Amino acid sequence: MAPMISRSILVALAAFVFVPGAQAEQTSYEAQLEGYSLFLVKVQQAFRAGDRAEVLGLIRVPLRVNQPDGKGPVWYRDIHQVKASFDVIFDRQTIDAILEQSPESIFSRDIGAMVGVGEVWFDNTCLDEACEKLGPVKIYAINHM
């Protein structure tokens, strides 16, 4: 005998499935994931080509770099500081994590998306104070493990 589903449960399920906002949220989330994937491919291409200028263009400042020794973060306030410390910021482990990450399996949450086990974090930039208008995706944090 097939289990019976009450009419109220069917109505509730139908309301959820057919609410335009519910589908729009899913589409928006999928679009955001696709944007993160495309961004990661761009970062990977820049590193593979050795194009530091391109990588620098994909970084949001201030850039937070968390140290493995627990001494706290180092903040790079402008792109010139990032450029001067590029090899320190993007050490071999960080670059390997970027290059090994599959664009199809990016982890994301409310603070953006990450590479590897959190070595690199990126998200959309905010174009206004309330962050209602979103700009391009950029790297905003590095975690040296």
Protein backbone atom coordinates (compact mmCIF):
# COMPACT_ATOMS: atom_id res chain seq x y z
CA MET A 1 0.00 0.00 0.00
CA ALA A 2 1.45 3.39 -1.00
CA PRO A 3 1.88 5.96 1.76
CA MET A 4 -0.72 8.70 1.75
CA ILE A 5 0.34 12.31 1.75
CA SER A 6 -2.08 14.72 3.28
CA ARG A 7 -3.56 17.45 1.14
CA SER A 8 -2.07 20.18 3.39
CA ILE A 9 1.46 18.82 2.86
CA LEU A 10 0.93 18.77 -0.91
CA VAL A 11 -0.36 22.35 -0.84
CA ALA A 12 2.65 23.47 1.23
CA LEU A 13 5.08 21.72 -1.12
CA ALA A 14 3.38 23.18 -4.18
CA ALA A 15 3.52 26.66 -2.67
CA PHE A 16 7.26 26.31 -2.06
CA VAL A 17 8.03 24.91 -5.49
CA PHE A 18 5.96 27.44 -7.39
CA VAL A 19 6.86 30.58 -5.43
CA PRO A 20 8.73 32.78 -7.92
CA GLY A 21 11.14 33.98 -5.24
CA ALA A 22 12.20 30.43 -4.35
CA GLN A 23 13.17 29.71 -7.95
CA ALA A 24 14.84 33.12 -8.31
CA GLU A 25 16.94 32.48 -5.19
CA GLN A 26 18.09 29.14 -6.59
CA THR A 27 18.88 30.71 -9.95
CA SER A 28 20.74 33.55 -8.23
CA TYR A 29 22.77 31.09 -6.14
CA GLU A 30 23.62 29.03 -9.22
CA ALA A 31 24.62 32.19 -11.09
CA GLN A 32 26.85 33.22 -8.20
CA LEU A 33 28.53 29.80 -8.17
CA GLU A 34 29.08 30.05 -11.91
CA GLY A 35 30.62 33.50 -11.40
CA TYR A 36 32.96 32.08 -8.75
CA SER A 37 33.95 29.23 -11.09
CA LEU A 38 34.68 31.62 -13.95
CA PHE A 39 36.71 33.82 -11.61
CA LEU A 40 38.76 30.85 -10.41
CA VAL A 41 39.51 29.84 -14.01
CA LYS A 42 40.72 33.39 -14.65
CA VAL A 43 42.99 33.28 -11.57
CA GLN A 44 44.34 29.86 -12.57
CA GLN A 45 45.07 31.07 -16.11
CA ALA A 46 46.93 34.11 -14.76
CA PHE A 47 49.10 31.98 -12.47
CA ARG A 48 49.81 29.40 -15.19
CA ALA A 49 50.86 32.21 -17.54
CA GLY A 50 52.99 33.85 -14.85
CA ASP A 51 51.00 37.06 -15.36
CA ARG A 52 51.44 38.91 -12.07
CA ALA A 53 49.77 42.05 -13.42
CA GLU A 54 46.62 40.03 -14.16
CA VAL A 55 46.70 38.43 -10.69
CA LEU A 56 47.12 41.87 -9.08
CA GLY A 57 44.03 43.03 -10.96
CA LEU A 58 42.04 40.23 -9.31
CA ILE A 59 42.85 41.29 -5.74
CA ARG A 60 40.76 43.53 -3.51
CA VAL A 61 42.59 45.76 -1.08
CA PRO A 62 42.95 45.86 1.75
CA LEU A 63 44.06 42.24 1.43
CA ARG A 64 44.16 40.21 4.64
CA VAL A 65 46.87 37.55 4.88
CA ASN A 66 46.58 35.31 7.94
CA GLN A 67 49.83 33.82 9.18
CA PRO A 68 50.28 30.16 10.18
CA ASP A 69 52.11 31.05 13.39
CA GLY A 70 49.08 32.66 14.98
CA LYS A 71 50.72 36.09 15.16
CA GLY A 72 47.70 37.61 13.51
CA PRO A 73 46.91 38.93 10.08
CA VAL A 74 49.04 41.13 7.89
CA TRP A 75 47.04 43.78 6.06
CA TYR A 76 48.19 44.99 2.65
CA ARG A 77 46.49 48.37 2.32
CA ASP A 78 47.20 49.03 -1.36
CA ILE A 79 48.10 47.11 -4.49
CA HIS A 80 51.69 48.43 -4.38
CA GLN A 81 52.23 46.65 -1.05
CA VAL A 82 50.73 43.46 -2.51
CA LYS A 83 53.01 43.72 -5.55
CA ALA A 84 56.11 44.24 -3.35
CA SER A 85 55.24 41.15 -1.26
CA PHE A 86 53.77 39.02 -4.05
CA ASP A 87 56.08 36.01 -3.47
CA VAL A 88 55.43 36.08 0.28
CA ILE A 89 51.67 36.33 -0.14
CA PHE A 90 51.45 33.78 -2.93
CA ASP A 91 53.79 31.11 -1.64
CA ARG A 92 54.04 27.69 -3.30
CA GLN A 93 51.34 26.13 -1.07
CA THR A 94 48.87 28.91 -1.88
CA ILE A 95 49.55 28.75 -5.63
CA ASP A 96 49.25 24.94 -5.59
CA ALA A 97 45.88 25.21 -3.81
CA ILE A 98 44.67 27.64 -6.49
CA LEU A 99 45.86 25.48 -9.37
CA GLU A 100 44.55 22.22 -7.89
CA GLN A 101 41.04 23.51 -7.13
CA SER A 102 38.40 22.25 -9.52
CA PRO A 103 36.18 25.12 -10.69
CA GLU A 104 33.22 22.70 -10.61
CA SER A 105 33.56 21.97 -6.90
CA ILE A 106 34.01 25.32 -5.21
CA PHE A 107 32.78 25.68 -1.64
CA SER A 108 30.86 28.88 -1.02
CA ARG A 109 28.92 30.47 1.78
CA ASP A 110 27.72 33.91 2.88
CA ILE A 111 31.26 35.36 2.98
CA GLY A 112 32.25 34.19 -0.49
CA ALA A 113 33.97 31.17 -1.97
CA MET A 114 37.18 29.43 -1.05
CA VAL A 115 39.98 27.49 -2.67
CA GLY A 116 41.26 24.26 -1.14
CA VAL A 117 40.70 24.13 2.60
CA GLY A 118 40.47 27.90 2.89
CA GLU A 119 43.83 29.05 1.57
CA VAL A 120 42.19 31.71 -0.62
CA TRP A 121 38.84 33.48 -0.23
CA PHE A 122 37.10 35.61 -2.85
CA ASP A 123 33.76 37.32 -3.29
CA ASN A 124 32.03 40.13 -5.15
CA THR A 125 33.15 43.63 -4.33
CA CYS A 126 30.60 46.15 -3.05
CA LEU A 127 29.91 49.18 -5.20
CA ASP A 128 27.91 51.05 -2.56
CA GLU A 129 27.92 51.45 1.22
CA ALA A 130 24.99 49.04 1.75
CA CYS A 131 26.53 46.49 -0.65
CA GLU A 132 23.32 46.36 -2.63
CA LYS A 133 25.20 46.84 -5.90
CA LEU A 134 27.80 44.17 -6.48
CA GLY A 135 30.97 44.58 -8.47
CA PRO A 136 33.45 42.04 -9.80
CA VAL A 137 34.69 39.05 -7.83
CA LYS A 138 38.11 39.59 -6.24
CA ILE A 139 40.43 37.85 -3.78
CA TYR A 140 40.09 39.39 -0.32
CA ALA A 141 41.89 36.97 2.04
CA ILE A 142 44.77 34.49 2.05
CA ASN A 143 45.29 31.94 4.81
CA HIS A 144 48.79 30.55 5.05
CA MET A 145 48.41 27.08 6.49
